Amino acid sequence: MQVFCTDGTVFACRSYDLTEYGVKLYGQHPDADERYRDDPEQIGFVPHDRLGYILPDGVRPASQSVVGAQPVMGSGYPPGPAGGVR
């Protein structure tokens, strides 16, 4: 799966779990012992306000600007052009 964050960060995970505060992301050790092979390893956490969406492998968003257009909570300003003066 591909995880898309509101700041434009994109990374992969094998599974996820919703929590009260965000989303726990899991992977798996490729060289894990046989007894631990089925146990997922937490590889990340994304708070709800920073998560754009999670898509299955092979599916791409129609527009990357959807994620980049999300305002940062508490900034007080709408997103502006990169490097611009406010």
N, C-alpha and C. Protein backbone atom coordinates (compact mmCIF):
# COMPACT_ATOMS: atom_id res chain seq x y z
N MET A 1 0.84 -1.17 0.00
CA MET A 1 0.00 0.00 0.00
C MET A 1 0.88 1.23 0.00
N GLN A 2 0.34 2.30 -0.55
CA GLN A 2 1.03 3.58 -0.59
C GLN A 2 0.33 4.55 0.36
N VAL A 3 1.10 5.21 1.22
CA VAL A 3 0.58 6.17 2.18
C VAL A 3 0.95 7.57 1.67
N PHE A 4 -0.05 8.43 1.52
CA PHE A 4 0.15 9.79 1.05
C PHE A 4 -0.16 10.74 2.20
N CYS A 5 0.83 11.53 2.58
CA CYS A 5 0.67 12.50 3.67
C CYS A 5 0.35 13.87 3.09
N THR A 6 -0.22 14.74 3.92
CA THR A 6 -0.62 16.07 3.44
C THR A 6 0.56 16.94 3.06
N ASP A 7 1.77 16.63 3.56
CA ASP A 7 2.94 17.43 3.20
C ASP A 7 3.62 16.93 1.93
N GLY A 8 3.02 15.92 1.27
CA GLY A 8 3.57 15.39 0.02
C GLY A 8 4.42 14.14 0.19
N THR A 9 4.70 13.75 1.41
CA THR A 9 5.48 12.54 1.67
C THR A 9 4.67 11.32 1.25
N VAL A 10 5.33 10.38 0.56
CA VAL A 10 4.69 9.14 0.12
C VAL A 10 5.61 7.99 0.48
N PHE A 11 5.06 6.93 1.10
CA PHE A 11 5.87 5.75 1.39
C PHE A 11 4.98 4.52 1.39
N ALA A 12 5.60 3.36 1.47
CA ALA A 12 4.89 2.08 1.35
C ALA A 12 4.75 1.41 2.72
N CYS A 13 3.68 0.64 2.87
CA CYS A 13 3.49 -0.20 4.05
C CYS A 13 2.74 -1.46 3.62
N ARG A 14 2.76 -2.48 4.46
CA ARG A 14 2.04 -3.73 4.15
C ARG A 14 0.63 -3.72 4.69
N SER A 15 0.42 -3.08 5.86
CA SER A 15 -0.91 -3.00 6.46
C SER A 15 -0.95 -1.80 7.39
N TYR A 16 -2.14 -1.51 7.90
CA TYR A 16 -2.29 -0.39 8.81
C TYR A 16 -3.40 -0.68 9.81
N ASP A 17 -3.41 0.11 10.89
CA ASP A 17 -4.41 -0.04 11.94
C ASP A 17 -4.82 1.35 12.38
N LEU A 18 -6.13 1.63 12.36
CA LEU A 18 -6.62 2.93 12.79
C LEU A 18 -6.64 2.99 14.31
N THR A 19 -6.19 4.12 14.86
CA THR A 19 -6.23 4.34 16.30
C THR A 19 -6.97 5.64 16.56
N GLU A 20 -7.13 5.98 17.82
CA GLU A 20 -7.81 7.21 18.19
C GLU A 20 -7.05 8.44 17.71
N TYR A 21 -5.71 8.33 17.64
CA TYR A 21 -4.87 9.48 17.33
C TYR A 21 -4.31 9.50 15.92
N GLY A 22 -4.42 8.41 15.19
CA GLY A 22 -3.87 8.36 13.85
C GLY A 22 -3.88 6.96 13.28
N VAL A 23 -2.91 6.69 12.43
CA VAL A 23 -2.83 5.40 11.75
C VAL A 23 -1.45 4.78 12.02
N LYS A 24 -1.44 3.56 12.57
CA LYS A 24 -0.20 2.81 12.75
C LYS A 24 0.07 2.06 11.45
N LEU A 25 1.29 2.14 10.97
CA LEU A 25 1.67 1.50 9.71
C LEU A 25 2.61 0.34 9.99
N TYR A 26 2.39 -0.76 9.30
CA TYR A 26 3.16 -1.98 9.55
C TYR A 26 3.85 -2.47 8.28
N GLY A 27 5.01 -3.06 8.50
CA GLY A 27 5.76 -3.74 7.45
C GLY A 27 6.06 -5.13 7.96
N GLN A 28 7.11 -5.74 7.44
CA GLN A 28 7.50 -7.07 7.90
C GLN A 28 8.99 -7.24 7.65
N HIS A 29 9.68 -7.81 8.63
CA HIS A 29 11.11 -8.09 8.45
C HIS A 29 11.29 -9.11 7.34
N PRO A 30 12.06 -8.81 6.30
CA PRO A 30 12.27 -9.79 5.25
C PRO A 30 13.13 -10.97 5.72
N ASP A 31 13.95 -10.76 6.75
CA ASP A 31 14.83 -11.82 7.23
C ASP A 31 14.42 -12.34 8.62
N ALA A 32 13.15 -12.20 8.96
CA ALA A 32 12.68 -12.63 10.28
C ALA A 32 12.74 -14.14 10.42
N ASP A 33 12.94 -14.59 11.67
CA ASP A 33 12.88 -16.02 11.96
C ASP A 33 11.50 -16.56 11.59
N GLU A 34 11.42 -17.84 11.33
CA GLU A 34 10.16 -18.47 10.95
C GLU A 34 9.06 -18.20 11.98
N ARG A 35 9.39 -18.20 13.26
CA ARG A 35 8.37 -18.03 14.30
C ARG A 35 7.83 -16.60 14.33
N TYR A 36 8.57 -15.63 13.81
CA TYR A 36 8.12 -14.24 13.80
C TYR A 36 7.65 -13.77 12.43
N ARG A 37 7.67 -14.62 11.45
CA ARG A 37 7.38 -14.22 10.08
C ARG A 37 5.99 -13.61 9.91
N ASP A 38 5.00 -14.07 10.66
CA ASP A 38 3.64 -13.57 10.51
C ASP A 38 3.35 -12.33 11.36
N ASP A 39 4.27 -11.96 12.25
CA ASP A 39 4.07 -10.80 13.11
C ASP A 39 4.50 -9.53 12.38
N PRO A 40 3.60 -8.57 12.20
CA PRO A 40 3.99 -7.34 11.52
C PRO A 40 4.86 -6.46 12.41
N GLU A 41 5.68 -5.65 11.80
CA GLU A 41 6.56 -4.72 12.49
C GLU A 41 6.03 -3.32 12.25
N GLN A 42 5.83 -2.54 13.32
CA GLN A 42 5.38 -1.16 13.13
C GLN A 42 6.51 -0.35 12.53
N ILE A 43 6.23 0.28 11.39
CA ILE A 43 7.26 1.05 10.70
C ILE A 43 6.98 2.54 10.72
N GLY A 44 5.78 2.93 11.18
CA GLY A 44 5.48 4.34 11.20
C GLY A 44 4.15 4.64 11.84
N PHE A 45 3.92 5.93 12.06
CA PHE A 45 2.66 6.42 12.61
C PHE A 45 2.38 7.77 11.95
N VAL A 46 1.15 7.96 11.50
CA VAL A 46 0.76 9.24 10.89
C VAL A 46 -0.48 9.74 11.62
N PRO A 47 -0.41 10.93 12.23
CA PRO A 47 -1.60 11.50 12.88
C PRO A 47 -2.69 11.76 11.83
N HIS A 48 -3.94 11.71 12.27
CA HIS A 48 -5.06 11.90 11.33
C HIS A 48 -4.96 13.19 10.54
N ASP A 49 -4.52 14.29 11.17
CA ASP A 49 -4.48 15.57 10.46
C ASP A 49 -3.35 15.65 9.44
N ARG A 50 -2.45 14.68 9.42
CA ARG A 50 -1.34 14.67 8.44
C ARG A 50 -1.55 13.63 7.34
N LEU A 51 -2.59 12.80 7.47
CA LEU A 51 -2.83 11.72 6.50
C LEU A 51 -3.70 12.21 5.36
N GLY A 52 -3.19 12.05 4.14
CA GLY A 52 -4.00 12.35 2.95
C GLY A 52 -4.91 11.18 2.65
N TYR A 53 -4.29 10.04 2.29
CA TYR A 53 -5.02 8.81 2.04
C TYR A 53 -4.06 7.65 1.92
N ILE A 54 -4.61 6.44 1.94
CA ILE A 54 -3.85 5.20 1.77
C ILE A 54 -4.47 4.47 0.60
N LEU A 55 -3.64 4.12 -0.39
CA LEU A 55 -4.13 3.43 -1.58
C LEU A 55 -3.42 2.09 -1.75
N PRO A 56 -4.10 1.10 -2.34
CA PRO A 56 -3.45 -0.18 -2.61
C PRO A 56 -2.35 -0.01 -3.66
N ASP A 57 -1.40 -0.94 -3.68
CA ASP A 57 -0.33 -0.91 -4.68
C ASP A 57 -0.93 -0.91 -6.08
N GLY A 58 -0.33 -0.15 -6.97
CA GLY A 58 -0.78 -0.10 -8.35
C GLY A 58 -1.83 0.96 -8.61
N VAL A 59 -2.43 1.53 -7.57
CA VAL A 59 -3.43 2.59 -7.74
C VAL A 59 -2.76 3.91 -7.45
N ARG A 60 -2.92 4.87 -8.34
CA ARG A 60 -2.32 6.19 -8.18
C ARG A 60 -3.43 7.24 -8.09
N PRO A 61 -3.21 8.30 -7.33
CA PRO A 61 -4.22 9.36 -7.27
C PRO A 61 -4.35 10.05 -8.62
N ALA A 62 -5.54 10.56 -8.90
CA ALA A 62 -5.76 11.27 -10.16
C ALA A 62 -4.96 12.55 -10.22
N SER A 63 -4.75 13.19 -9.07
CA SER A 63 -4.02 14.46 -9.03
C SER A 63 -3.19 14.53 -7.77
N GLN A 64 -1.91 14.80 -7.90
CA GLN A 64 -1.04 14.96 -6.73
C GLN A 64 -1.37 16.24 -6.00
N SER A 65 -2.00 17.21 -6.66
CA SER A 65 -2.29 18.49 -6.02
C SER A 65 -3.32 18.36 -4.91
N VAL A 66 -4.10 17.28 -4.90
CA VAL A 66 -5.09 17.08 -3.85
C VAL A 66 -4.41 16.99 -2.49
N VAL A 67 -3.33 16.25 -2.41
CA VAL A 67 -2.61 16.11 -1.14
C VAL A 67 -1.89 17.40 -0.81
N GLY A 68 -1.23 18.01 -1.75
CA GLY A 68 -0.47 19.22 -1.50
C GLY A 68 -1.34 20.43 -1.16
N ALA A 69 -2.63 20.38 -1.49
CA ALA A 69 -3.51 21.52 -1.25
C ALA A 69 -4.06 21.56 0.16
N GLN A 70 -3.79 20.56 0.98
CA GLN A 70 -4.31 20.53 2.34
C GLN A 70 -3.59 21.57 3.19
N PRO A 71 -4.32 22.43 3.91
CA PRO A 71 -3.66 23.42 4.77
C PRO A 71 -3.06 22.74 6.00
N VAL A 72 -2.02 23.34 6.54
CA VAL A 72 -1.41 22.84 7.76
C VAL A 72 -2.23 23.36 8.92
N MET A 73 -2.67 22.48 9.81
CA MET A 73 -3.52 22.85 10.93
C MET A 73 -2.80 23.86 11.82
N GLY A 74 -3.49 24.93 12.16
CA GLY A 74 -2.96 25.91 13.09
C GLY A 74 -2.03 26.94 12.46
N SER A 75 -1.82 26.89 11.15
CA SER A 75 -0.90 27.84 10.53
C SER A 75 -1.52 29.23 10.42
N GLY A 76 -2.86 29.30 10.30
CA GLY A 76 -3.52 30.58 10.17
C GLY A 76 -3.49 31.15 8.77
N TYR A 77 -2.74 30.55 7.87
CA TYR A 77 -2.63 31.02 6.50
C TYR A 77 -3.00 29.90 5.55
N PRO A 78 -3.66 30.22 4.43
CA PRO A 78 -3.89 29.19 3.41
C PRO A 78 -2.56 28.85 2.75
N PRO A 79 -2.44 27.66 2.17
CA PRO A 79 -1.19 27.31 1.52
C PRO A 79 -0.88 28.29 0.38
N GLY A 80 0.35 28.72 0.32
CA GLY A 80 0.76 29.65 -0.73
C GLY A 80 1.78 29.01 -1.65
N PRO A 81 2.24 29.74 -2.65
CA PRO A 81 3.25 29.18 -3.56
C PRO A 81 4.55 28.94 -2.82
N ALA A 82 5.27 27.93 -3.23
CA ALA A 82 6.54 27.59 -2.60
C ALA A 82 7.51 28.74 -2.74
N GLY A 83 8.12 29.14 -1.62
CA GLY A 83 9.10 30.21 -1.65
C GLY A 83 8.50 31.61 -1.72
N GLY A 84 7.17 31.70 -1.69
CA GLY A 84 6.53 33.01 -1.77
C GLY A 84 6.55 33.73 -0.43
N VAL A 85 6.29 35.02 -0.48
CA VAL A 85 6.22 35.84 0.72
C VAL A 85 4.78 35.99 1.11
N ARG A 86 4.50 35.88 2.41
CA ARG A 86 3.11 36.02 2.88
C ARG A 86 2.90 37.38 3.46
